[in-house]
């Protein structure tokens, strides 16, 4: 009788775990190295992916990553009819807050302006960007400080870092917005293209930075507020015990 009871309890626990476990699909940008990107084998990599894998260890859930151009990932996340489909690496603004429910911050992203050394641009304040052509992805949001800075420069839009840096190299723009961590972000962006890699010595980073927190979010239509409430407890724990910082430090030290 005792063995039978133990067997029934064990079976119940396995069944319960299976029922409670969820397959979560997280959409995201496929070319935002080192934050989140597809490697040469089409595998999802980056700081945010490593953080999500740590979160996964504390749940019964399984994360699947579907990375694509940002505009497509954002649109799919917004209009999904699948309850367990969200987006990773999204930032906040007023419009998005009306459309998505957010986790607590998982990573504080920092973006920098890259210029050509030959231009000898000694810029330390955003006001000094006046009249310069600055390229970034207009479909992205890079924080309130960057939004304020837009009034000083001429905005150009490019879909990814490779296009942006090649236009900079060819003199079609004056500065390109690249995500950090600082030197690693630029190094990885240059490494994606042979021409850029050969001319890596021609680029430099201005002493301006634009920070903005990244989150996991779900469209409000998917009703994931309760899931996010539980997720936030895990994220807070991983911040407090230093796990997330160790992941970030790993990339900073590359």
Protein backbone atom coordinates (compact mmCIF):
# COMPACT_ATOMS: atom_id res chain seq x y z
CA UNK A 1 0.00 0.00 0.00
CA UNK A 2 2.84 2.34 0.93
CA UNK A 3 4.69 1.62 -2.34
CA UNK A 4 1.50 2.20 -4.29
CA UNK A 5 0.97 5.56 -2.59
CA UNK A 6 4.54 6.64 -3.33
CA UNK A 7 4.14 5.59 -6.95
CA UNK A 8 0.87 7.53 -7.28
CA UNK A 9 2.48 10.63 -5.69
CA UNK A 10 5.50 10.36 -7.99
CA UNK A 11 3.27 10.00 -11.04
CA UNK A 12 1.19 12.99 -9.92
CA UNK A 13 4.28 15.18 -9.52
CA UNK A 14 5.60 14.26 -12.94
CA UNK A 15 2.21 14.90 -14.50
CA UNK A 16 1.82 18.19 -12.66
CA UNK A 17 5.26 19.32 -13.78
CA UNK A 18 4.39 18.47 -17.37
CA UNK A 19 1.10 20.36 -17.16
CA UNK A 20 2.62 23.45 -15.53
CA UNK A 21 5.64 23.55 -17.83
CA UNK A 22 5.26 25.99 -20.71
CA UNK A 23 7.00 26.36 -24.03
CA UNK A 24 7.75 30.09 -24.21
CA UNK A 25 8.73 31.61 -27.55
CA UNK A 26 10.75 34.80 -27.23
CA UNK A 27 11.11 36.90 -30.36
CA UNK A 28 14.00 39.32 -30.74
CA UNK A 29 16.53 41.13 -32.90
CA UNK A 30 18.79 38.79 -34.89
CA UNK A 31 21.63 41.31 -35.27
CA UNK A 32 22.19 43.20 -32.03
CA UNK A 33 25.49 41.65 -30.92
CA UNK A 34 26.64 41.20 -28.22
CA UNK A 35 23.24 41.73 -26.62
CA UNK A 36 21.27 39.30 -28.78
CA UNK A 37 22.10 37.83 -32.20
CA UNK A 38 22.26 34.77 -34.44
CA UNK A 39 25.73 33.24 -34.77
CA UNK A 40 27.11 31.73 -37.98
CA UNK A 41 25.27 28.48 -37.18
CA UNK A 42 21.95 30.33 -36.79
CA UNK A 43 21.96 29.77 -33.02
CA UNK A 44 20.62 32.44 -30.66
CA UNK A 45 23.46 33.96 -28.65
CA UNK A 46 24.22 36.97 -26.50
CA UNK A 47 23.85 38.55 -23.07
CA UNK A 48 20.05 38.43 -23.08
CA UNK A 49 19.99 34.82 -24.25
CA UNK A 50 22.33 33.78 -21.42
CA UNK A 51 20.18 35.64 -18.90
CA UNK A 52 17.03 33.95 -20.23
CA UNK A 53 18.72 30.55 -19.92
CA UNK A 54 19.47 31.31 -16.27
CA UNK A 55 15.84 32.29 -15.70
CA UNK A 56 14.81 29.04 -17.36
CA UNK A 57 16.74 27.04 -14.73
CA UNK A 58 14.43 28.44 -12.03
CA UNK A 59 11.19 27.53 -13.80
CA UNK A 60 9.62 24.50 -15.43
CA UNK A 61 9.43 26.48 -18.65
CA UNK A 62 11.36 26.00 -21.85
CA UNK A 63 12.46 29.07 -23.82
CA UNK A 64 12.64 28.96 -27.60
CA UNK A 65 14.17 31.94 -29.39
CA UNK A 66 12.98 33.22 -32.74
CA UNK A 67 15.28 36.04 -33.87
CA UNK A 68 14.68 38.16 -36.97
CA UNK A 69 14.93 41.83 -38.09
CA UNK A 70 13.63 44.01 -35.27
CA UNK A 71 10.62 45.41 -37.13
CA UNK A 72 9.38 41.89 -37.90
CA UNK A 73 10.01 40.59 -34.37
CA UNK A 74 8.16 43.56 -32.86
CA UNK A 75 5.19 43.19 -35.20
CA UNK A 76 4.91 39.45 -34.53
CA UNK A 77 5.06 39.98 -30.77
CA UNK A 78 2.41 42.68 -30.91
CA UNK A 79 -0.08 40.77 -33.05
CA UNK A 80 0.54 37.21 -31.86
CA UNK A 81 -2.47 35.08 -30.99
CA UNK A 82 -0.28 32.63 -29.06
CA UNK A 83 -0.46 33.05 -25.29
CA UNK A 84 3.14 32.06 -24.64
CA UNK A 85 4.86 34.22 -27.25
CA UNK A 86 6.69 37.35 -26.11
CA UNK A 87 9.69 39.49 -27.01
CA UNK A 88 13.12 39.92 -25.42
CA UNK A 89 15.30 43.02 -25.62
CA UNK A 90 12.43 45.47 -25.87
CA UNK A 91 12.65 48.93 -24.33
CA UNK A 92 9.89 51.13 -22.94
CA UNK A 93 8.20 54.20 -24.29
CA UNK A 94 4.69 55.63 -23.88
CA UNK A 95 3.27 53.91 -26.95
CA UNK A 96 4.69 50.50 -26.07
CA UNK A 97 3.45 50.72 -22.49
CA UNK A 98 -0.08 50.84 -23.88
CA UNK A 99 0.54 47.71 -25.95
CA UNK A 100 2.76 45.43 -23.83
CA UNK A 101 3.05 44.13 -20.28
CA UNK A 102 6.68 44.22 -19.12
CA UNK A 103 8.95 42.27 -16.82
CA UNK A 104 11.34 44.13 -14.56
CA UNK A 105 14.56 45.17 -16.30
CA UNK A 106 16.89 42.31 -17.21
CA UNK A 107 19.77 44.37 -18.64
CA UNK A 108 20.74 48.02 -18.97
CA UNK A 109 21.70 48.53 -22.59
CA UNK A 110 24.11 51.30 -23.52
CA UNK A 111 24.50 52.71 -27.03
CA UNK A 112 27.42 54.74 -28.39
CA UNK A 113 28.20 56.89 -31.40
CA UNK A 114 30.98 55.63 -33.66
CA UNK A 115 32.81 58.04 -35.99
CA UNK A 116 35.82 58.02 -38.32
CA UNK A 117 39.11 59.07 -36.74
CA UNK A 118 39.97 61.12 -39.83
CA UNK A 119 37.03 63.44 -39.12
CA UNK A 120 38.71 64.45 -35.84
CA UNK A 121 35.35 65.05 -34.15
CA UNK A 122 36.04 66.20 -30.59
CA UNK A 123 32.45 65.91 -29.40
CA UNK A 124 31.65 65.67 -25.70
CA UNK A 125 28.11 67.09 -25.58
CA UNK A 126 25.02 66.23 -27.63
CA UNK A 127 24.69 69.90 -28.60
CA UNK A 128 27.92 69.52 -30.56
CA UNK A 129 26.23 67.00 -32.88
CA UNK A 130 24.42 69.86 -34.58
CA UNK A 131 24.24 69.41 -38.35
CA UNK A 132 25.84 65.94 -38.36
CA UNK A 133 24.20 62.95 -40.04
CA UNK A 134 23.63 60.24 -37.45
CA UNK A 135 22.38 56.79 -38.43
CA UNK A 136 20.33 54.46 -36.24
CA UNK A 137 17.33 52.19 -36.62
CA UNK A 138 14.33 54.53 -36.54
CA UNK A 139 12.07 51.63 -35.59
CA UNK A 140 14.00 51.18 -32.36
CA UNK A 141 13.86 53.20 -29.14
CA UNK A 142 17.14 54.09 -27.42
CA UNK A 143 15.98 55.97 -24.36
CA UNK A 144 14.84 59.46 -23.42
CA UNK A 145 18.34 61.00 -23.63
CA UNK A 146 18.73 59.88 -27.23
CA UNK A 147 15.25 61.19 -28.04
CA UNK A 148 16.27 64.60 -26.67
CA UNK A 149 19.52 64.52 -28.68
CA UNK A 150 17.66 64.04 -31.98
CA UNK A 151 16.86 67.74 -32.26
CA UNK A 152 20.54 68.51 -32.78
CA UNK A 153 21.50 66.09 -35.56
CA UNK A 154 20.15 64.97 -38.93
CA UNK A 155 18.56 61.54 -38.55
CA UNK A 156 19.32 58.73 -40.97
CA UNK A 157 17.89 55.23 -40.66
CA UNK A 158 19.64 51.93 -41.38
CA UNK A 159 18.38 48.48 -40.49
CA UNK A 160 21.57 47.05 -38.97
CA UNK A 161 25.11 47.76 -37.79
CA UNK A 162 26.81 46.46 -40.94
CA UNK A 163 24.94 48.82 -43.26
CA UNK A 164 25.39 51.68 -40.81
CA UNK A 165 29.15 51.24 -40.45
CA UNK A 166 29.72 50.75 -44.18
CA UNK A 167 27.90 54.03 -44.88
CA UNK A 168 30.06 55.68 -42.22
CA UNK A 169 33.22 54.26 -43.81
CA UNK A 170 32.14 55.55 -47.22
CA UNK A 171 31.46 59.04 -45.90
CA UNK A 172 27.70 59.03 -46.37
CA UNK A 173 27.00 59.69 -42.68
CA UNK A 174 28.99 61.27 -39.84
CA UNK A 175 28.18 58.91 -36.96
CA UNK A 176 26.63 55.48 -36.37
CA UNK A 177 24.78 54.36 -33.25
CA UNK A 178 26.14 51.02 -32.00
CA UNK A 179 25.11 49.00 -28.95
CA UNK A 180 27.57 48.08 -26.18
CA UNK A 181 29.29 46.90 -24.10
CA UNK A 182 31.50 49.63 -25.47
CA UNK A 183 34.53 48.16 -27.32
CA UNK A 184 33.01 44.68 -27.65
CA UNK A 185 29.88 45.99 -29.34
CA UNK A 186 31.95 47.76 -31.99
CA UNK A 187 34.38 44.85 -32.36
CA UNK A 188 31.56 42.36 -32.99
CA UNK A 189 29.80 44.71 -35.41
CA UNK A 190 33.01 45.17 -37.42
CA UNK A 191 33.64 41.43 -37.42
CA UNK A 192 30.48 40.73 -39.41
CA UNK A 193 31.89 42.19 -42.63
CA UNK A 194 35.28 41.73 -44.34
CA UNK A 195 35.55 45.33 -45.51
CA UNK A 196 34.77 46.67 -42.04
CA UNK A 197 37.17 44.27 -40.35
CA UNK A 198 40.00 45.41 -42.66
CA UNK A 199 39.27 49.03 -41.80
CA UNK A 200 38.64 48.57 -38.06
CA UNK A 201 41.52 50.92 -37.18
CA UNK A 202 39.66 53.83 -38.82
CA UNK A 203 36.80 53.91 -36.29
CA UNK A 204 36.54 55.41 -32.82
CA UNK A 205 33.84 55.83 -30.17
CA UNK A 206 32.70 59.25 -29.00
CA UNK A 207 32.49 59.88 -25.21
CA UNK A 208 28.69 60.05 -25.36
CA UNK A 209 26.45 57.24 -24.21
CA UNK A 210 22.73 56.60 -24.22
CA UNK A 211 21.46 54.07 -21.69
CA UNK A 212 18.12 52.31 -21.70
CA UNK A 213 16.88 49.20 -19.82
CA UNK A 214 15.87 46.05 -21.71
CA UNK A 215 12.92 43.84 -20.77
CA UNK A 216 10.93 40.74 -21.60
CA UNK A 217 7.40 41.71 -22.61
CA UNK A 218 4.14 40.20 -23.82
CA UNK A 219 1.36 41.81 -25.80
CA UNK A 220 -1.48 42.80 -23.47
CA UNK A 221 -3.80 40.62 -25.56
CA UNK A 222 -1.96 37.49 -24.33
CA UNK A 223 -2.91 38.10 -20.66
CA UNK A 224 0.46 37.25 -19.13
CA UNK A 225 0.43 39.57 -16.11
CA UNK A 226 0.43 36.68 -13.63
CA UNK A 227 3.26 34.93 -15.46
CA UNK A 228 5.29 38.16 -15.44
CA UNK A 229 4.66 38.56 -11.71
CA UNK A 230 6.31 35.19 -11.06
CA UNK A 231 9.03 35.90 -13.63
CA UNK A 232 9.92 39.17 -11.89
CA UNK A 233 10.64 37.32 -8.64
CA UNK A 234 13.22 35.20 -10.45
CA UNK A 235 14.76 38.18 -12.26
CA UNK A 236 15.09 40.10 -8.97
CA UNK A 237 16.74 37.08 -7.34
CA UNK A 238 19.25 36.77 -10.20
CA UNK A 239 20.08 40.47 -9.92
CA UNK A 240 20.45 40.29 -6.15
CA UNK A 241 22.69 37.19 -6.09
CA UNK A 242 24.97 38.60 -8.80
CA UNK A 243 24.14 36.01 -11.48
CA UNK A 244 23.10 38.56 -14.11
CA UNK A 245 26.12 40.76 -13.40
CA UNK A 246 28.44 37.75 -13.86
CA UNK A 247 26.94 37.17 -17.30
CA UNK A 248 27.46 40.82 -18.24
CA UNK A 249 31.04 40.77 -16.88
CA UNK A 250 31.78 37.69 -19.00
CA UNK A 251 31.02 39.70 -22.13
CA UNK A 252 32.73 42.85 -20.88
CA UNK A 253 35.95 40.88 -20.40
CA UNK A 254 35.99 39.36 -23.89
